Every structure is written in structure tokens, then in C-alpha cells.
Amino acid sequence: MKPTRIALIAAAMLALAGCTYYGYPPTAGAPASYDRSFYAAADAMRDQGLAITSQDAMAGTVVGRKDGDTVTASVRQQGDGSVRVEFNATGARDSGLIERVSRSYDRRMGR
């Protein structure tokens, strides 16, 4: 093989290695899946600096703690196929924490 061809192949491989695939954006108006909602809730808590202390997808609960605050996410599949996600806080030293978690969740869900 010619050195220029090898260099082109190597450059192409390096370029592909730096690409990130994020998947397709959610369709507007499409119901969210349980799994997507559950993991978005957990990641939203991580976004706000909470350490996840319990994560149970079967029970639909995620518990995170930060500086004495505890936030619990509850994810439930509704009878109509929709998903309900609730965030609750205890020991609220940071009064804006639950709102920031909720906004992070909305961003992750494309809202």
C-alpha cells in the first residue's frame, strides 16, 4: 500500500473514533417509554450532583443524596401506556434542588 493511502485510512479511522451517536430525537407527542423515563430521572439527579444511593428499575424508584438532602424519583407506568414521574425531597436544605432536578429531567426528555 502507498503511504498516502495508509495515511488517509488512518485519518478516516481517527475521525470516526471521535464521533458520538446520540440516537434519534424523540418524536413530538410520542409517549415516553418507561426505561427512557427511568434512566432520564436517574441522570437528572446526577446532573444536579446527587449521589445515587438506590436505583431499582423494577420498583421504579431512584434515591439520591446531596448535602443532607434526599431526593426520590418515582416512575410509574399508567394504564393508558403513559409514564408518570414524580420527584420528592426530604431534608430540604437546598430549596431549589427539586426544581433543578425537574428541569434536568425535562431537558433529558426533550421538553
N, C-alpha and C. Protein backbone atom coordinates (compact mmCIF):
# COMPACT_ATOMS: atom_id res chain seq x y z
N MET A 1 0.82 -1.18 0.00
CA MET A 1 0.00 0.00 0.00
C MET A 1 0.87 1.24 0.00
N LYS A 2 0.36 2.26 -0.65
CA LYS A 2 1.09 3.52 -0.71
C LYS A 2 0.97 4.24 0.64
N PRO A 3 2.02 4.98 1.03
CA PRO A 3 1.97 5.69 2.31
C PRO A 3 0.83 6.70 2.39
N THR A 4 0.45 7.33 1.28
CA THR A 4 -0.64 8.31 1.33
C THR A 4 -1.99 7.61 1.57
N ARG A 5 -2.13 6.43 1.00
CA ARG A 5 -3.37 5.68 1.21
C ARG A 5 -3.48 5.22 2.66
N ILE A 6 -2.39 4.78 3.22
CA ILE A 6 -2.37 4.37 4.63
C ILE A 6 -2.70 5.57 5.52
N ALA A 7 -2.13 6.71 5.19
CA ALA A 7 -2.39 7.92 5.98
C ALA A 7 -3.86 8.32 5.90
N LEU A 8 -4.46 8.21 4.71
CA LEU A 8 -5.89 8.54 4.54
C LEU A 8 -6.77 7.58 5.34
N ILE A 9 -6.45 6.31 5.31
CA ILE A 9 -7.22 5.32 6.06
C ILE A 9 -7.10 5.59 7.56
N ALA A 10 -5.89 5.87 8.02
CA ALA A 10 -5.67 6.17 9.44
C ALA A 10 -6.43 7.43 9.85
N ALA A 11 -6.43 8.45 9.00
CA ALA A 11 -7.15 9.69 9.31
C ALA A 11 -8.65 9.44 9.39
N ALA A 12 -9.17 8.62 8.48
CA ALA A 12 -10.60 8.31 8.48
C ALA A 12 -10.98 7.55 9.75
N MET A 13 -10.14 6.61 10.16
CA MET A 13 -10.42 5.84 11.38
C MET A 13 -10.40 6.73 12.61
N LEU A 14 -9.46 7.66 12.66
CA LEU A 14 -9.40 8.59 13.79
C LEU A 14 -10.62 9.50 13.82
N ALA A 15 -11.06 9.95 12.66
CA ALA A 15 -12.23 10.83 12.59
C ALA A 15 -13.47 10.09 13.08
N LEU A 16 -13.63 8.83 12.69
CA LEU A 16 -14.79 8.06 13.12
C LEU A 16 -14.75 7.77 14.61
N ALA A 17 -13.57 7.59 15.16
CA ALA A 17 -13.45 7.30 16.59
C ALA A 17 -13.92 8.48 17.44
N GLY A 18 -13.84 9.69 16.91
CA GLY A 18 -14.26 10.87 17.66
C GLY A 18 -15.73 11.19 17.53
N CYS A 19 -16.47 10.43 16.75
CA CYS A 19 -17.90 10.71 16.55
C CYS A 19 -18.71 10.10 17.69
N THR A 20 -19.75 10.81 18.08
CA THR A 20 -20.66 10.32 19.12
C THR A 20 -22.04 10.19 18.53
N TYR A 21 -22.69 9.09 18.82
CA TYR A 21 -24.05 8.86 18.34
C TYR A 21 -25.01 9.06 19.49
N TYR A 22 -25.95 9.96 19.33
CA TYR A 22 -26.92 10.27 20.38
C TYR A 22 -28.30 9.68 20.09
N GLY A 23 -28.47 9.01 19.01
CA GLY A 23 -29.76 8.44 18.67
C GLY A 23 -30.68 9.48 18.06
N TYR A 24 -31.86 9.05 17.73
CA TYR A 24 -32.84 9.96 17.14
C TYR A 24 -33.52 10.76 18.23
N PRO A 25 -33.84 12.01 17.97
CA PRO A 25 -34.59 12.78 18.96
C PRO A 25 -35.99 12.21 19.08
N PRO A 26 -36.61 12.36 20.24
CA PRO A 26 -37.96 11.82 20.41
C PRO A 26 -38.94 12.51 19.46
N THR A 27 -39.90 11.76 19.01
CA THR A 27 -40.94 12.31 18.16
C THR A 27 -41.87 13.16 19.01
N ALA A 28 -42.19 14.34 18.53
CA ALA A 28 -43.07 15.23 19.28
C ALA A 28 -44.42 14.56 19.50
N GLY A 29 -44.86 14.57 20.74
CA GLY A 29 -46.16 14.00 21.06
C GLY A 29 -46.14 12.50 21.30
N ALA A 30 -45.01 11.85 21.04
CA ALA A 30 -44.93 10.41 21.27
C ALA A 30 -44.79 10.13 22.76
N PRO A 31 -45.48 9.10 23.27
CA PRO A 31 -45.36 8.80 24.69
C PRO A 31 -43.96 8.31 25.02
N ALA A 32 -43.48 8.68 26.19
CA ALA A 32 -42.14 8.26 26.62
C ALA A 32 -42.18 6.82 27.09
N SER A 33 -41.11 6.10 26.85
CA SER A 33 -41.04 4.73 27.34
C SER A 33 -40.66 4.74 28.81
N TYR A 34 -41.00 3.66 29.48
CA TYR A 34 -40.69 3.53 30.91
C TYR A 34 -39.18 3.60 31.12
N ASP A 35 -38.43 2.81 30.35
CA ASP A 35 -36.98 2.77 30.54
C ASP A 35 -36.35 4.13 30.32
N ARG A 36 -36.75 4.79 29.25
CA ARG A 36 -36.18 6.12 28.96
C ARG A 36 -36.49 7.10 30.08
N SER A 37 -37.71 7.07 30.58
CA SER A 37 -38.11 7.96 31.68
C SER A 37 -37.34 7.64 32.96
N PHE A 38 -37.19 6.35 33.25
CA PHE A 38 -36.50 5.94 34.47
C PHE A 38 -35.03 6.40 34.45
N TYR A 39 -34.35 6.13 33.36
CA TYR A 39 -32.93 6.50 33.30
C TYR A 39 -32.74 8.00 33.17
N ALA A 40 -33.68 8.70 32.55
CA ALA A 40 -33.61 10.17 32.50
C ALA A 40 -33.77 10.75 33.89
N ALA A 41 -34.63 10.16 34.72
CA ALA A 41 -34.81 10.63 36.09
C ALA A 41 -33.52 10.43 36.89
N ALA A 42 -32.91 9.26 36.76
CA ALA A 42 -31.66 9.00 37.48
C ALA A 42 -30.55 9.94 37.02
N ASP A 43 -30.44 10.13 35.71
CA ASP A 43 -29.39 11.00 35.18
C ASP A 43 -29.64 12.46 35.54
N ALA A 44 -30.90 12.87 35.62
CA ALA A 44 -31.21 14.25 36.03
C ALA A 44 -30.74 14.49 37.46
N MET A 45 -30.88 13.48 38.30
CA MET A 45 -30.41 13.62 39.69
C MET A 45 -28.88 13.72 39.71
N ARG A 46 -28.23 12.92 38.90
CA ARG A 46 -26.76 13.00 38.81
C ARG A 46 -26.32 14.36 38.27
N ASP A 47 -27.08 14.89 37.30
CA ASP A 47 -26.77 16.21 36.74
C ASP A 47 -26.66 17.26 37.83
N GLN A 48 -27.48 17.13 38.85
CA GLN A 48 -27.54 18.13 39.92
C GLN A 48 -26.65 17.76 41.11
N GLY A 49 -25.77 16.78 40.92
CA GLY A 49 -24.77 16.45 41.93
C GLY A 49 -25.23 15.49 42.99
N LEU A 50 -26.38 14.87 42.83
CA LEU A 50 -26.83 13.89 43.81
C LEU A 50 -26.10 12.57 43.60
N ALA A 51 -25.70 11.94 44.68
CA ALA A 51 -25.11 10.61 44.62
C ALA A 51 -26.25 9.61 44.71
N ILE A 52 -26.37 8.74 43.73
CA ILE A 52 -27.45 7.75 43.71
C ILE A 52 -27.13 6.68 44.76
N THR A 53 -28.03 6.51 45.73
CA THR A 53 -27.82 5.52 46.78
C THR A 53 -28.66 4.27 46.56
N SER A 54 -29.71 4.40 45.75
CA SER A 54 -30.56 3.26 45.44
C SER A 54 -31.19 3.49 44.08
N GLN A 55 -31.16 2.46 43.24
CA GLN A 55 -31.75 2.55 41.91
C GLN A 55 -32.37 1.20 41.59
N ASP A 56 -33.70 1.14 41.55
CA ASP A 56 -34.42 -0.11 41.33
C ASP A 56 -35.42 0.08 40.21
N ALA A 57 -35.06 -0.37 39.01
CA ALA A 57 -35.93 -0.18 37.85
C ALA A 57 -37.23 -0.97 37.97
N MET A 58 -37.19 -2.13 38.58
CA MET A 58 -38.41 -2.94 38.73
C MET A 58 -39.42 -2.24 39.64
N ALA A 59 -38.94 -1.61 40.71
CA ALA A 59 -39.82 -0.89 41.63
C ALA A 59 -40.10 0.53 41.14
N GLY A 60 -39.28 1.02 40.21
CA GLY A 60 -39.47 2.36 39.68
C GLY A 60 -39.02 3.47 40.62
N THR A 61 -38.00 3.20 41.42
CA THR A 61 -37.52 4.22 42.35
C THR A 61 -36.03 4.46 42.20
N VAL A 62 -35.68 5.73 42.35
CA VAL A 62 -34.29 6.16 42.39
C VAL A 62 -34.17 7.09 43.58
N VAL A 63 -33.16 6.86 44.41
CA VAL A 63 -32.94 7.71 45.58
C VAL A 63 -31.53 8.28 45.48
N GLY A 64 -31.44 9.59 45.65
CA GLY A 64 -30.14 10.26 45.61
C GLY A 64 -30.00 11.20 46.79
N ARG A 65 -28.74 11.43 47.20
CA ARG A 65 -28.47 12.31 48.34
C ARG A 65 -27.38 13.30 48.00
N LYS A 66 -27.54 14.50 48.60
CA LYS A 66 -26.55 15.55 48.44
C LYS A 66 -26.65 16.50 49.63
N ASP A 67 -25.58 16.65 50.37
CA ASP A 67 -25.51 17.61 51.47
C ASP A 67 -26.71 17.55 52.41
N GLY A 68 -27.12 16.37 52.79
CA GLY A 68 -28.23 16.21 53.73
C GLY A 68 -29.60 16.20 53.08
N ASP A 69 -29.70 16.51 51.82
CA ASP A 69 -30.97 16.45 51.10
C ASP A 69 -31.11 15.07 50.46
N THR A 70 -32.32 14.55 50.47
CA THR A 70 -32.62 13.28 49.81
C THR A 70 -33.71 13.53 48.80
N VAL A 71 -33.48 13.10 47.57
CA VAL A 71 -34.47 13.23 46.51
C VAL A 71 -34.82 11.82 46.05
N THR A 72 -36.13 11.56 45.95
CA THR A 72 -36.62 10.27 45.48
C THR A 72 -37.41 10.48 44.20
N ALA A 73 -37.07 9.71 43.19
CA ALA A 73 -37.83 9.71 41.94
C ALA A 73 -38.69 8.46 41.92
N SER A 74 -39.95 8.64 41.56
CA SER A 74 -40.88 7.53 41.46
C SER A 74 -41.39 7.50 40.01
N VAL A 75 -41.16 6.38 39.33
CA VAL A 75 -41.55 6.23 37.92
C VAL A 75 -42.59 5.13 37.84
N ARG A 76 -43.77 5.47 37.28
CA ARG A 76 -44.87 4.50 37.21
C ARG A 76 -45.47 4.48 35.81
N GLN A 77 -45.72 3.27 35.33
CA GLN A 77 -46.42 3.09 34.05
C GLN A 77 -47.92 3.21 34.34
N GLN A 78 -48.60 4.07 33.59
CA GLN A 78 -50.04 4.27 33.75
C GLN A 78 -50.82 3.27 32.90
N GLY A 79 -52.07 3.11 33.20
CA GLY A 79 -52.94 2.18 32.47
C GLY A 79 -53.07 2.51 31.00
N ASP A 80 -52.95 3.80 30.65
CA ASP A 80 -53.07 4.20 29.24
C ASP A 80 -51.75 4.11 28.48
N GLY A 81 -50.72 3.61 29.14
CA GLY A 81 -49.41 3.46 28.49
C GLY A 81 -48.46 4.61 28.75
N SER A 82 -48.97 5.71 29.29
CA SER A 82 -48.10 6.84 29.59
C SER A 82 -47.28 6.54 30.85
N VAL A 83 -46.28 7.36 31.08
CA VAL A 83 -45.39 7.18 32.23
C VAL A 83 -45.48 8.41 33.12
N ARG A 84 -45.64 8.18 34.41
CA ARG A 84 -45.71 9.28 35.39
C ARG A 84 -44.42 9.27 36.20
N VAL A 85 -43.77 10.44 36.27
CA VAL A 85 -42.53 10.58 37.03
C VAL A 85 -42.74 11.66 38.08
N GLU A 86 -42.43 11.34 39.33
CA GLU A 86 -42.57 12.28 40.44
C GLU A 86 -41.25 12.38 41.17
N PHE A 87 -40.87 13.60 41.56
CA PHE A 87 -39.69 13.82 42.37
C PHE A 87 -40.14 14.37 43.71
N ASN A 88 -39.64 13.80 44.80
CA ASN A 88 -39.94 14.28 46.15
C ASN A 88 -38.63 14.48 46.89
N ALA A 89 -38.60 15.51 47.74
CA ALA A 89 -37.38 15.81 48.51
C ALA A 89 -37.69 15.80 50.00
N THR A 90 -36.72 15.33 50.78
CA THR A 90 -36.80 15.41 52.24
C THR A 90 -35.51 16.04 52.74
N GLY A 91 -35.60 16.68 53.90
CA GLY A 91 -34.43 17.36 54.46
C GLY A 91 -33.99 18.51 53.60
N ALA A 92 -34.96 19.23 53.03
CA ALA A 92 -34.69 20.24 52.01
C ALA A 92 -33.89 21.43 52.55
N ARG A 93 -32.59 21.31 52.54
CA ARG A 93 -31.71 22.44 52.87
C ARG A 93 -31.57 23.35 51.65
N ASP A 94 -31.56 22.73 50.47
CA ASP A 94 -31.45 23.46 49.22
C ASP A 94 -32.85 23.52 48.61
N SER A 95 -33.52 24.64 48.79
CA SER A 95 -34.92 24.75 48.38
C SER A 95 -35.11 24.66 46.86
N GLY A 96 -34.09 24.96 46.08
CA GLY A 96 -34.22 24.91 44.63
C GLY A 96 -33.80 23.60 44.00
N LEU A 97 -33.34 22.65 44.80
CA LEU A 97 -32.81 21.39 44.27
C LEU A 97 -33.85 20.61 43.48
N ILE A 98 -35.03 20.46 44.02
CA ILE A 98 -36.06 19.66 43.35
C ILE A 98 -36.46 20.29 42.01
N GLU A 99 -36.49 21.61 41.96
CA GLU A 99 -36.83 22.31 40.71
C GLU A 99 -35.73 22.10 39.67
N ARG A 100 -34.46 22.14 40.10
CA ARG A 100 -33.35 21.92 39.16
C ARG A 100 -33.34 20.48 38.64
N VAL A 101 -33.65 19.53 39.51
CA VAL A 101 -33.73 18.13 39.08
C VAL A 101 -34.85 17.97 38.06
N SER A 102 -35.98 18.58 38.33
CA SER A 102 -37.11 18.50 37.42
C SER A 102 -36.78 19.12 36.05
N ARG A 103 -36.10 20.26 36.06
CA ARG A 103 -35.70 20.89 34.79
C ARG A 103 -34.70 20.01 34.04
N SER A 104 -33.77 19.39 34.76
CA SER A 104 -32.81 18.48 34.11
C SER A 104 -33.54 17.30 33.48
N TYR A 105 -34.53 16.79 34.18
CA TYR A 105 -35.32 15.67 33.65
C TYR A 105 -36.03 16.11 32.36
N ASP A 106 -36.66 17.28 32.40
CA ASP A 106 -37.36 17.78 31.21
C ASP A 106 -36.40 17.93 30.03
N ARG A 107 -35.19 18.46 30.28
CA ARG A 107 -34.21 18.60 29.20
C ARG A 107 -33.84 17.25 28.63
N ARG A 108 -33.61 16.29 29.50
CA ARG A 108 -33.23 14.95 29.04
C ARG A 108 -34.34 14.28 28.24
N MET A 109 -35.59 14.66 28.53
CA MET A 109 -36.73 14.09 27.81
C MET A 109 -37.07 14.91 26.57
N GLY A 110 -36.30 15.97 26.31
CA GLY A 110 -36.52 16.77 25.11
C GLY A 110 -37.69 17.72 25.21
N ARG A 111 -37.97 18.16 26.41
CA ARG A 111 -39.10 19.08 26.61
C ARG A 111 -38.63 20.49 26.81
